[in-house]
């Protein structure tokens, strides 16, 4: 059954968290490489301006909506996404399932103290979780082939990539088939959240779609341009898509 909808040129799978986890379990059983991506307001705006990024997103085996504004917009457009599947929640659920199923995990990205902190945190939380390895997210262009070979040799089932967008999507788009990881997922700032470097918004703010505002309050200088300038284009894209059926009916 086709679960995909399309919004602003990007495909999104209309799946709940549990349905997404079951889908990923099927990917891992298959042994074939699959790439995952989450789309939020920022990524939809970037994809509207970057055809390469949009193609990488649309080619992914699993595409979740991470952001209540995306879910609300889908409902305004009559496409009704079931729920938000936040990357940070999916990551934590997959780590728990990996410990239960014996899936090998590789962590890639962030500063050395952050990624090693995530490694130690989940080793303690799930002593049975088999780690294939970890590496920070900083390397020179000439070192990229070595990084890819390191990950490939680790023989992981799950690869979590915590580098910025669109770099993580481009990295996985270029190398996922070569690395042959059954499930590779970009996780953005999830490692920072896991080790407590960045605090997550209270649950009521997450459910109210205000997690972005909480993030802005933590780093106003860094996040102002993204949230109050760049991401404002989302509303123009939404208005354009809402107006499209009216134009077509004329």
Protein backbone atom coordinates (compact mmCIF):
# COMPACT_ATOMS: atom_id res chain seq x y z
CA UNK A 1 0.00 0.00 0.00
CA UNK A 2 1.34 3.43 -0.96
CA UNK A 3 1.57 5.55 2.18
CA UNK A 4 3.17 8.59 0.56
CA UNK A 5 1.80 12.06 0.20
CA UNK A 6 3.51 14.96 -1.57
CA UNK A 7 3.94 18.47 -0.15
CA UNK A 8 5.83 21.35 -1.68
CA UNK A 9 7.64 19.00 -4.04
CA UNK A 10 8.72 16.56 -1.32
CA UNK A 11 7.31 13.12 -0.60
CA UNK A 12 6.42 12.17 2.98
CA UNK A 13 5.38 8.76 4.33
CA UNK A 14 2.07 8.91 6.20
CA UNK A 15 3.15 6.55 8.98
CA UNK A 16 2.90 6.58 12.77
CA UNK A 17 5.96 6.03 14.96
CA UNK A 18 5.17 2.34 15.42
CA UNK A 19 4.51 1.85 11.70
CA UNK A 20 7.85 3.53 10.95
CA UNK A 21 9.65 1.22 13.38
CA UNK A 22 8.06 -1.85 11.76
CA UNK A 23 9.11 -0.57 8.33
CA UNK A 24 12.70 -0.10 9.51
CA UNK A 25 12.72 -3.62 10.98
CA UNK A 26 11.80 -4.90 7.52
CA UNK A 27 14.68 -2.90 6.00
CA UNK A 28 17.16 -4.46 8.41
CA UNK A 29 15.86 -7.98 7.74
CA UNK A 30 16.36 -7.40 4.01
CA UNK A 31 20.04 -6.55 4.47
CA UNK A 32 19.84 -4.05 1.59
CA UNK A 33 20.79 -0.36 2.01
CA UNK A 34 17.99 2.08 2.87
CA UNK A 35 18.23 5.80 3.57
CA UNK A 36 15.92 7.68 5.94
CA UNK A 37 15.21 11.39 6.19
CA UNK A 38 12.97 13.63 8.26
CA UNK A 39 11.44 16.76 6.78
CA UNK A 40 10.60 19.86 8.76
CA UNK A 41 9.85 23.46 7.78
CA UNK A 42 13.52 24.27 7.28
CA UNK A 43 14.16 21.26 5.06
CA UNK A 44 11.06 21.85 2.92
CA UNK A 45 12.22 25.43 2.32
CA UNK A 46 15.77 24.31 1.48
CA UNK A 47 14.45 21.58 -0.85
CA UNK A 48 12.25 24.10 -2.69
CA UNK A 49 15.45 25.96 -3.64
CA UNK A 50 17.80 23.01 -4.12
CA UNK A 51 16.72 20.40 -6.73
CA UNK A 52 19.57 18.06 -5.71
CA UNK A 53 18.44 18.02 -2.07
CA UNK A 54 14.81 17.55 -3.12
CA UNK A 55 15.78 14.55 -5.27
CA UNK A 56 17.83 13.01 -2.44
CA UNK A 57 14.84 13.37 -0.08
CA UNK A 58 12.39 11.89 -2.57
CA UNK A 59 14.69 8.93 -3.28
CA UNK A 60 14.83 7.93 0.41
CA UNK A 61 13.24 4.65 1.45
CA UNK A 62 11.53 6.26 4.45
CA UNK A 63 10.58 9.94 4.88
CA UNK A 64 9.05 11.11 8.16
CA UNK A 65 7.56 14.48 9.11
CA UNK A 66 9.50 15.95 12.05
CA UNK A 67 7.63 19.11 12.97
CA UNK A 68 4.05 19.88 13.95
CA UNK A 69 3.82 22.74 11.38
CA UNK A 70 4.37 20.17 8.63
CA UNK A 71 1.61 17.95 10.06
CA UNK A 72 -0.77 20.92 10.36
CA UNK A 73 0.06 22.07 6.83
CA UNK A 74 -0.67 18.57 5.49
CA UNK A 75 -4.13 18.73 7.08
CA UNK A 76 -4.82 22.18 5.63
CA UNK A 77 -3.97 20.70 2.24
CA UNK A 78 -6.34 17.77 2.82
CA UNK A 79 -3.48 15.25 2.98
CA UNK A 80 -3.73 14.49 6.71
CA UNK A 81 -0.45 13.12 8.04
CA UNK A 82 -1.17 10.83 11.01
CA UNK A 83 1.40 12.27 13.38
CA UNK A 84 4.78 13.83 13.82
CA UNK A 85 7.63 11.31 13.97
CA UNK A 86 10.42 13.30 15.61
CA UNK A 87 13.95 12.24 14.73
CA UNK A 88 15.11 12.39 18.34
CA UNK A 89 12.27 10.07 19.43
CA UNK A 90 12.84 7.68 16.53
CA UNK A 91 16.56 7.52 17.35
CA UNK A 92 15.88 6.62 21.00
CA UNK A 93 13.27 4.02 20.03
CA UNK A 94 15.67 2.44 17.55
CA UNK A 95 18.46 2.24 20.12
CA UNK A 96 16.10 0.38 22.45
CA UNK A 97 15.04 -1.96 19.66
CA UNK A 98 18.66 -2.50 18.58
CA UNK A 99 19.51 -3.67 22.10
CA UNK A 100 16.61 -6.13 21.99
CA UNK A 101 17.24 -7.39 18.44
CA UNK A 102 21.04 -7.38 18.48
CA UNK A 103 21.40 -4.79 15.70
CA UNK A 104 24.87 -3.29 15.36
CA UNK A 105 24.95 0.52 15.67
CA UNK A 106 27.42 3.06 14.28
CA UNK A 107 27.34 6.70 15.44
CA UNK A 108 28.77 9.36 13.12
CA UNK A 109 28.90 13.10 13.72
CA UNK A 110 29.12 15.95 16.25
CA UNK A 111 32.22 16.83 18.28
CA UNK A 112 34.33 14.02 19.72
CA UNK A 113 33.20 14.62 23.30
CA UNK A 114 29.54 14.57 22.21
CA UNK A 115 29.59 11.41 20.08
CA UNK A 116 31.71 9.55 22.64
CA UNK A 117 29.27 10.75 25.31
CA UNK A 118 26.33 9.28 23.36
CA UNK A 119 28.27 6.03 23.00
CA UNK A 120 28.91 5.80 26.76
CA UNK A 121 25.34 6.85 27.62
CA UNK A 122 23.73 4.09 25.58
CA UNK A 123 26.33 1.51 26.59
CA UNK A 124 25.24 2.15 30.17
CA UNK A 125 21.52 2.31 29.34
CA UNK A 126 21.54 -0.85 27.21
CA UNK A 127 24.52 -3.08 28.15
CA UNK A 128 23.49 -5.62 25.48
CA UNK A 129 23.46 -3.06 22.65
CA UNK A 130 26.17 -4.09 20.14
CA UNK A 131 28.08 -1.06 18.87
CA UNK A 132 29.88 -1.27 15.52
CA UNK A 133 31.75 1.96 16.30
CA UNK A 134 31.59 5.74 16.37
CA UNK A 135 33.38 8.72 14.84
CA UNK A 136 33.12 12.50 15.14
CA UNK A 137 31.69 14.55 12.29
CA UNK A 138 34.80 16.52 11.37
CA UNK A 139 37.00 15.41 8.50
CA UNK A 140 38.78 17.00 5.56
CA UNK A 141 37.48 16.38 2.02
CA UNK A 142 40.50 14.20 1.29
CA UNK A 143 39.64 12.03 4.31
CA UNK A 144 36.07 11.29 3.20
CA UNK A 145 36.91 8.05 1.36
CA UNK A 146 38.65 6.78 4.51
CA UNK A 147 35.58 7.63 6.63
CA UNK A 148 33.33 5.76 4.20
CA UNK A 149 35.63 2.73 4.22
CA UNK A 150 35.75 2.75 8.03
CA UNK A 151 31.95 2.68 8.25
CA UNK A 152 31.65 0.03 5.54
CA UNK A 153 34.16 -2.23 7.35
CA UNK A 154 32.26 -1.84 10.65
CA UNK A 155 29.41 -3.98 9.26
CA UNK A 156 26.67 -2.04 11.07
CA UNK A 157 22.91 -2.52 10.77
CA UNK A 158 22.09 1.05 11.79
CA UNK A 159 24.03 4.21 10.97
CA UNK A 160 23.08 7.50 12.66
CA UNK A 161 24.59 10.63 11.09
CA UNK A 162 24.64 13.80 13.23
CA UNK A 163 25.94 16.45 10.85
CA UNK A 164 24.12 19.52 9.56
CA UNK A 165 21.66 19.66 6.65
CA UNK A 166 22.04 19.37 3.74
CA UNK A 167 25.50 17.83 4.31
CA UNK A 168 24.14 14.68 5.96
CA UNK A 169 21.59 14.07 3.18
CA UNK A 170 24.28 14.61 0.55
CA UNK A 171 26.77 12.34 2.35
CA UNK A 172 24.24 9.51 2.60
CA UNK A 173 23.00 10.15 -0.94
CA UNK A 174 26.55 9.72 -2.26
CA UNK A 175 27.74 6.81 -0.14
CA UNK A 176 24.83 4.81 1.28
CA UNK A 177 24.83 2.28 -1.58
CA UNK A 178 28.61 1.81 -1.17
CA UNK A 179 28.50 1.51 2.64
CA UNK A 180 25.58 -0.95 2.36
CA UNK A 181 24.11 -0.13 5.77
CA UNK A 182 20.57 -1.60 5.96
CA UNK A 183 19.28 1.59 7.63
CA UNK A 184 21.02 4.98 7.62
CA UNK A 185 19.42 7.96 9.31
CA UNK A 186 20.40 11.61 9.60
CA UNK A 187 19.76 12.77 13.16
CA UNK A 188 20.85 16.44 13.15
CA UNK A 189 21.25 17.73 16.71
CA UNK A 190 19.98 14.54 18.38
CA UNK A 191 23.40 13.67 19.85
CA UNK A 192 23.55 17.10 21.54
CA UNK A 193 20.10 16.49 23.05
CA UNK A 194 21.04 12.97 24.20
CA UNK A 195 24.06 14.16 26.21
CA UNK A 196 22.23 17.19 27.60
CA UNK A 197 24.23 19.81 25.69
CA UNK A 198 20.94 21.07 24.23
CA UNK A 199 17.76 20.85 26.29
CA UNK A 200 14.60 19.65 24.64
CA UNK A 201 11.38 21.63 24.95
CA UNK A 202 8.76 20.53 27.52
CA UNK A 203 6.22 18.04 26.16
CA UNK A 204 3.44 20.64 26.04
CA UNK A 205 5.58 22.83 23.77
CA UNK A 206 6.40 19.86 21.52
CA UNK A 207 2.69 19.04 21.15
CA UNK A 208 1.81 22.69 20.60
CA UNK A 209 4.32 23.04 17.77
CA UNK A 210 6.47 25.46 19.81
CA UNK A 211 9.62 23.36 20.06
CA UNK A 212 11.26 25.65 17.52
CA UNK A 213 10.60 28.66 19.78
CA UNK A 214 12.18 26.91 22.76
CA UNK A 215 15.20 26.18 20.55
CA UNK A 216 15.32 29.85 19.54
CA UNK A 217 15.27 30.96 23.19
CA UNK A 218 18.31 28.77 23.87
CA UNK A 219 20.38 30.22 21.01
CA UNK A 220 18.67 33.41 19.77
CA UNK A 221 21.63 34.78 17.83
CA UNK A 222 22.29 31.54 15.99
CA UNK A 223 18.66 30.60 15.28
CA UNK A 224 17.11 34.02 14.48
CA UNK A 225 17.95 33.98 10.76
CA UNK A 226 16.75 30.40 10.29
CA UNK A 227 13.42 30.78 12.07
CA UNK A 228 12.46 34.39 11.38
CA UNK A 229 13.93 34.96 7.91
CA UNK A 230 14.73 31.74 6.02
CA UNK A 231 11.80 29.64 7.27
CA UNK A 232 9.22 32.35 6.58
CA UNK A 233 9.28 31.18 2.97
CA UNK A 234 7.35 28.10 4.18
CA UNK A 235 4.15 30.14 4.44
CA UNK A 236 4.52 31.34 0.87
CA UNK A 237 4.99 27.74 -0.31
CA UNK A 238 1.93 26.68 1.67
CA UNK A 239 -0.24 29.49 0.26
CA UNK A 240 0.91 28.61 -3.26
CA UNK A 241 0.02 24.95 -2.80
CA UNK A 242 -3.35 25.77 -1.24
CA UNK A 243 -4.14 28.02 -4.20
CA UNK A 244 -3.16 25.40 -6.82
CA UNK A 245 -6.50 23.44 -6.80
CA UNK A 246 -8.43 26.70 -7.27
CA UNK A 247 -6.29 27.61 -10.27
CA UNK A 248 -6.67 24.13 -11.77
CA UNK A 249 -10.49 24.24 -11.45
CA UNK A 250 -10.76 27.42 -13.54
